[in-house]
Amino acid sequence: MKRVLLFAAMLLAVGCSKKSTNGVKLKSDLDSVAYVIGMNVGLNLQRMDSTLNVSAVCEGIRDIFEGDPRMTVEAAETFYLSYVNYALPEKARAYEEQFLADIAKSNRSYARTSSGVTYTVEEVGDQDRIPTSDRDSVALRWVIRTADGKDVVSSYERGDTVRSALRNLPRGVQESLKLIGAGGRIQAWMPAAMAYGAGGDEALGIGPNATLYYEIELLDVDKYANRFRRR
C-alpha cells in the first residue's frame, strides 16, 4: 500500500507540471495504469473538498520531493486535523444554513423549527393521533432525496411500509412527525445534524454532512400510553 501511495504521489508530482498542449501520451499499458491511478488520487481529493487549490497541492508534492517543505510533518498534521474536524464542518454548516434559509425565503409555505428542519405540511391528519412520546410506534411511507434531487430511497417504489418506534428514527423525522397526525403528509428539508450527521450512511448512499429532503406520509400511530392502558 505504501508503495502504491508513493507511486501515486510521484505521478502527481510529474502531472502537476504545466500540462502540454496534447497532454500525456498513453503509449503503453503501464502509462494507462499510471493515468488511472492519477485519476483515483484526483477523485479522492475532489471528494474530500472540491474547492482545493490544485496548484497548492502540486506545490506541496514538489516541496516534499525537493526536500524543502514549508511545514514540519507534525505541524502539517496538526493543521490538517484542525481543518477536517473544525473548519470543514463549520463551512458545510454555514452553507447548509444559507441553503435552508433560501428555501424558506423563496417559498412562504415553508416554516422552520429551532433545529433547522424546514417544512411544509401538506395534510395535517388526525390531530387526536399525533405521535408525541418517543415510545409511540408509527407506520409511514417516505421518499428521501439528496439536495441535488437524487432519490435515496422510496417506500412507494419498493412497495413497503416503514414501521418503527418514534425514537429509532432520525431526529428530524421524529420532529416532523410530531407536526402531523395519522393520515397526514409533510415535506421537510433536514439539516445533516437532524438526519445522518457527519458520518452519513454508506449503505443508503448518503454522504457526510448531507442535507436531505423528505416526503413523509404518516399512515398510522400506535400510542404507547394506549398500549400501557390496555395491559
Protein backbone atom coordinates (compact mmCIF):
# COMPACT_ATOMS: atom_id res chain seq x y z
CA MET A 1 0.00 0.00 0.00
CA LYS A 2 2.80 2.43 0.89
CA ARG A 3 4.44 1.74 -2.46
CA VAL A 4 1.17 2.47 -4.29
CA LEU A 5 0.71 5.73 -2.39
CA LEU A 6 4.31 6.75 -3.09
CA PHE A 7 3.88 5.91 -6.77
CA ALA A 8 0.68 7.95 -6.87
CA ALA A 9 2.45 10.89 -5.24
CA MET A 10 5.22 10.67 -7.83
CA LEU A 11 2.66 10.64 -10.61
CA LEU A 12 1.03 13.72 -9.16
CA ALA A 13 4.37 15.44 -8.88
CA VAL A 14 5.03 14.85 -12.55
CA GLY A 15 1.44 15.60 -13.55
CA CYS A 16 1.49 18.89 -11.66
CA SER A 17 3.97 20.35 -14.06
CA LYS A 18 2.45 22.56 -16.75
CA LYS A 19 0.22 20.47 -18.99
CA SER A 20 1.35 20.16 -22.57
CA THR A 21 -0.98 21.04 -25.42
CA ASN A 22 -1.83 17.42 -26.22
CA GLY A 23 -1.46 16.02 -22.69
CA VAL A 24 0.48 12.88 -21.71
CA LYS A 25 0.60 10.18 -24.37
CA LEU A 26 -0.62 6.81 -23.11
CA LYS A 27 1.80 4.70 -25.15
CA SER A 28 1.67 1.53 -23.06
CA ASP A 29 -0.46 -0.36 -20.55
CA LEU A 30 1.78 0.99 -17.79
CA ASP A 31 1.06 4.55 -18.92
CA SER A 32 -2.67 3.80 -18.80
CA VAL A 33 -2.38 2.27 -15.32
CA ALA A 34 -0.46 5.35 -14.19
CA TYR A 35 -3.17 7.61 -15.58
CA VAL A 36 -5.91 5.61 -13.81
CA ILE A 37 -4.03 5.88 -10.51
CA GLY A 38 -3.72 9.62 -11.06
CA MET A 39 -7.47 9.83 -11.71
CA ASN A 40 -8.15 7.91 -8.49
CA VAL A 41 -5.97 10.26 -6.44
CA GLY A 42 -7.66 13.26 -8.03
CA LEU A 43 -11.15 11.87 -7.37
CA ASN A 44 -10.33 11.22 -3.71
CA LEU A 45 -9.04 14.76 -3.29
CA GLN A 46 -12.10 16.15 -5.06
CA ARG A 47 -14.44 14.21 -2.77
CA MET A 48 -12.58 15.49 0.26
CA ASP A 49 -13.00 19.11 -0.85
CA SER A 50 -13.83 20.14 -4.40
CA THR A 51 -12.61 23.68 -3.70
CA LEU A 52 -9.00 22.61 -3.06
CA ASN A 53 -6.34 24.73 -4.76
CA VAL A 54 -4.78 22.20 -7.13
CA SER A 55 -1.69 24.37 -7.61
CA ALA A 56 -1.10 24.36 -3.83
CA VAL A 57 -1.46 20.56 -3.77
CA CYS A 58 1.17 20.29 -6.51
CA GLU A 59 3.44 22.74 -4.71
CA GLY A 60 3.32 20.59 -1.56
CA ILE A 61 4.24 17.48 -3.54
CA ARG A 62 7.16 19.23 -5.26
CA ASP A 63 8.45 20.63 -1.95
CA ILE A 64 8.47 17.15 -0.41
CA PHE A 65 10.40 15.67 -3.33
CA GLU A 66 12.84 18.57 -3.27
CA GLY A 67 13.31 18.16 0.50
CA ASP A 68 12.19 21.71 1.34
CA PRO A 69 8.61 21.70 2.72
CA ARG A 70 7.23 24.86 4.32
CA MET A 71 5.88 22.96 7.35
CA THR A 72 7.16 20.15 9.52
CA VAL A 73 5.25 16.87 9.28
CA GLU A 74 3.95 17.42 12.83
CA ALA A 75 2.74 20.96 12.09
CA ALA A 76 1.09 19.82 8.86
CA GLU A 77 -0.73 17.01 10.67
CA THR A 78 -1.97 19.37 13.41
CA PHE A 79 -3.23 21.88 10.83
CA TYR A 80 -4.94 19.21 8.75
CA LEU A 81 -6.76 17.65 11.73
CA SER A 82 -7.93 21.09 12.84
CA TYR A 83 -9.24 21.81 9.35
CA VAL A 84 -11.07 18.47 8.98
CA ASN A 85 -12.55 18.43 12.48
CA TYR A 86 -13.48 22.08 12.84
CA ALA A 87 -13.11 24.36 9.80
CA LEU A 88 -14.59 22.00 7.20
CA PRO A 89 -17.72 21.06 9.23
CA GLU A 90 -18.29 24.73 10.02
CA LYS A 91 -18.00 25.58 6.34
CA ALA A 92 -20.55 22.87 5.49
CA ARG A 93 -22.86 24.05 8.29
CA ALA A 94 -22.76 27.67 7.08
CA TYR A 95 -23.55 26.60 3.50
CA GLU A 96 -26.41 24.40 4.72
CA GLU A 97 -27.83 27.18 6.89
CA GLN A 98 -27.93 29.54 3.91
CA PHE A 99 -29.41 26.81 1.68
CA LEU A 100 -32.29 26.15 4.10
CA ALA A 101 -32.86 29.86 4.71
CA ASP A 102 -33.16 30.41 0.96
CA ILE A 103 -35.80 27.65 0.70
CA ALA A 104 -37.91 29.25 3.43
CA LYS A 105 -37.45 32.68 1.86
CA SER A 106 -38.36 31.60 -1.67
CA ASN A 107 -41.42 29.58 -0.64
CA ARG A 108 -43.61 31.18 2.02
CA SER A 109 -45.40 27.89 2.69
CA TYR A 110 -42.25 26.58 4.39
CA ALA A 111 -41.60 27.16 8.08
CA ARG A 112 -38.57 26.29 10.22
CA THR A 113 -38.15 24.70 13.61
CA SER A 114 -35.46 25.81 16.05
CA SER A 115 -33.33 22.84 14.98
CA GLY A 116 -33.36 23.94 11.33
CA VAL A 117 -35.89 21.46 9.93
CA THR A 118 -37.57 23.38 7.11
CA TYR A 119 -41.02 22.03 6.36
CA THR A 120 -44.45 22.47 4.84
CA VAL A 121 -47.46 20.45 5.97
CA GLU A 122 -49.48 19.14 3.04
CA GLU A 123 -52.16 17.49 5.17
CA VAL A 124 -52.45 17.78 8.95
CA GLY A 125 -54.07 14.38 9.54
CA ASP A 126 -55.93 13.27 12.65
CA GLN A 127 -54.99 15.69 15.42
CA ASP A 128 -56.08 13.18 18.06
CA ARG A 129 -53.47 10.72 16.80
CA ILE A 130 -50.21 12.67 16.80
CA PRO A 131 -47.06 10.84 17.93
CA THR A 132 -45.75 12.63 21.00
CA SER A 133 -43.88 10.02 23.02
CA ASP A 134 -40.57 8.50 21.93
CA ARG A 135 -42.20 5.13 22.65
CA ASP A 136 -45.08 5.67 20.25
CA SER A 137 -44.97 3.36 17.22
CA VAL A 138 -45.56 4.73 13.75
CA ALA A 139 -46.20 3.34 10.30
CA LEU A 140 -45.14 5.56 7.44
CA ARG A 141 -44.08 5.79 3.85
CA TRP A 142 -41.38 8.17 2.72
CA VAL A 143 -39.27 9.38 -0.13
CA ILE A 144 -35.75 10.58 0.70
CA ARG A 145 -33.73 12.66 -1.75
CA THR A 146 -30.38 14.40 -1.67
CA ALA A 147 -30.19 18.18 -2.04
CA ASP A 148 -29.46 17.80 -5.76
CA GLY A 149 -32.63 15.73 -6.29
CA LYS A 150 -31.21 12.21 -6.35
CA ASP A 151 -33.56 9.59 -4.89
CA VAL A 152 -32.04 7.74 -1.94
CA VAL A 153 -34.99 5.55 -1.02
CA SER A 154 -38.70 5.44 -1.81
CA SER A 155 -41.25 3.35 0.08
CA TYR A 156 -43.60 3.73 -2.88
CA GLU A 157 -41.15 2.27 -5.38
CA ARG A 158 -40.20 -0.55 -3.01
CA GLY A 159 -43.83 -1.16 -2.04
CA ASP A 160 -43.06 -1.27 1.66
CA THR A 161 -44.09 0.47 4.86
CA VAL A 162 -41.64 1.70 7.48
CA ARG A 163 -42.71 0.58 10.96
CA SER A 164 -40.70 1.85 13.89
CA ALA A 165 -40.74 3.28 17.37
CA LEU A 166 -40.51 7.05 17.06
CA ARG A 167 -37.21 7.13 18.98
CA ASN A 168 -35.48 4.90 16.42
CA LEU A 169 -35.98 7.32 13.53
CA PRO A 170 -33.65 10.22 12.62
CA ARG A 171 -34.27 13.22 14.86
CA GLY A 172 -35.53 15.37 12.02
CA VAL A 173 -38.11 12.73 11.09
CA GLN A 174 -39.24 12.50 14.72
CA GLU A 175 -39.67 16.25 14.82
CA SER A 176 -41.58 16.28 11.53
CA LEU A 177 -43.98 13.51 12.57
CA LYS A 178 -44.91 15.42 15.71
CA LEU A 179 -46.29 18.16 13.45
CA ILE A 180 -48.91 15.91 11.83
CA GLY A 181 -51.37 13.21 12.83
CA ALA A 182 -52.24 9.83 11.33
CA GLY A 183 -53.14 10.33 7.69
CA GLY A 184 -51.05 13.48 7.49
CA ARG A 185 -48.35 14.32 4.97
CA ILE A 186 -45.36 16.61 5.28
CA GLN A 187 -42.42 17.73 3.14
CA ALA A 188 -39.27 18.58 5.05
CA TRP A 189 -35.67 19.57 4.45
CA MET A 190 -33.44 18.07 7.13
CA PRO A 191 -30.11 19.61 8.10
CA ALA A 192 -27.41 16.95 8.40
CA ALA A 193 -27.40 17.15 12.21
CA MET A 194 -31.07 16.10 12.20
CA ALA A 195 -30.61 13.32 9.63
CA TYR A 196 -27.48 11.17 9.22
CA GLY A 197 -24.91 13.62 10.55
CA ALA A 198 -21.21 13.81 9.80
CA GLY A 199 -20.97 10.07 9.21
CA GLY A 200 -23.68 9.78 6.58
CA ASP A 201 -24.92 6.30 5.67
CA GLU A 202 -22.81 4.46 3.14
CA ALA A 203 -25.37 1.68 2.70
CA LEU A 204 -28.01 4.20 1.62
CA GLY A 205 -25.56 6.26 -0.41
CA ILE A 206 -25.84 9.27 1.89
CA GLY A 207 -22.61 11.23 2.18
CA PRO A 208 -21.22 13.01 5.24
CA ASN A 209 -22.94 16.25 6.30
CA ALA A 210 -25.72 15.71 3.75
CA THR A 211 -28.79 17.95 3.70
CA LEU A 212 -31.77 15.73 2.83
CA TYR A 213 -35.29 16.22 1.53
CA TYR A 214 -38.12 14.04 2.86
CA GLU A 215 -41.68 13.46 1.73
CA ILE A 216 -43.42 11.65 4.60
CA GLU A 217 -46.90 10.14 4.81
CA LEU A 218 -47.89 9.08 8.34
CA LEU A 219 -50.15 6.05 7.91
CA ASP A 220 -50.78 5.05 11.50
CA VAL A 221 -49.85 5.85 15.10
CA ASP A 222 -49.93 3.38 17.98
CA LYS A 223 -49.75 5.44 21.15
CA TYR A 224 -47.63 3.95 23.91
CA ALA A 225 -50.00 5.33 26.55
CA ASN A 226 -52.90 3.43 24.98
CA ARG A 227 -50.88 0.19 24.87
CA PHE A 228 -49.99 0.66 28.55
CA ARG A 229 -53.68 1.12 29.49
CA ARG A 230 -54.68 -1.98 27.50
CA ARG A 231 -52.46 -4.08 29.74
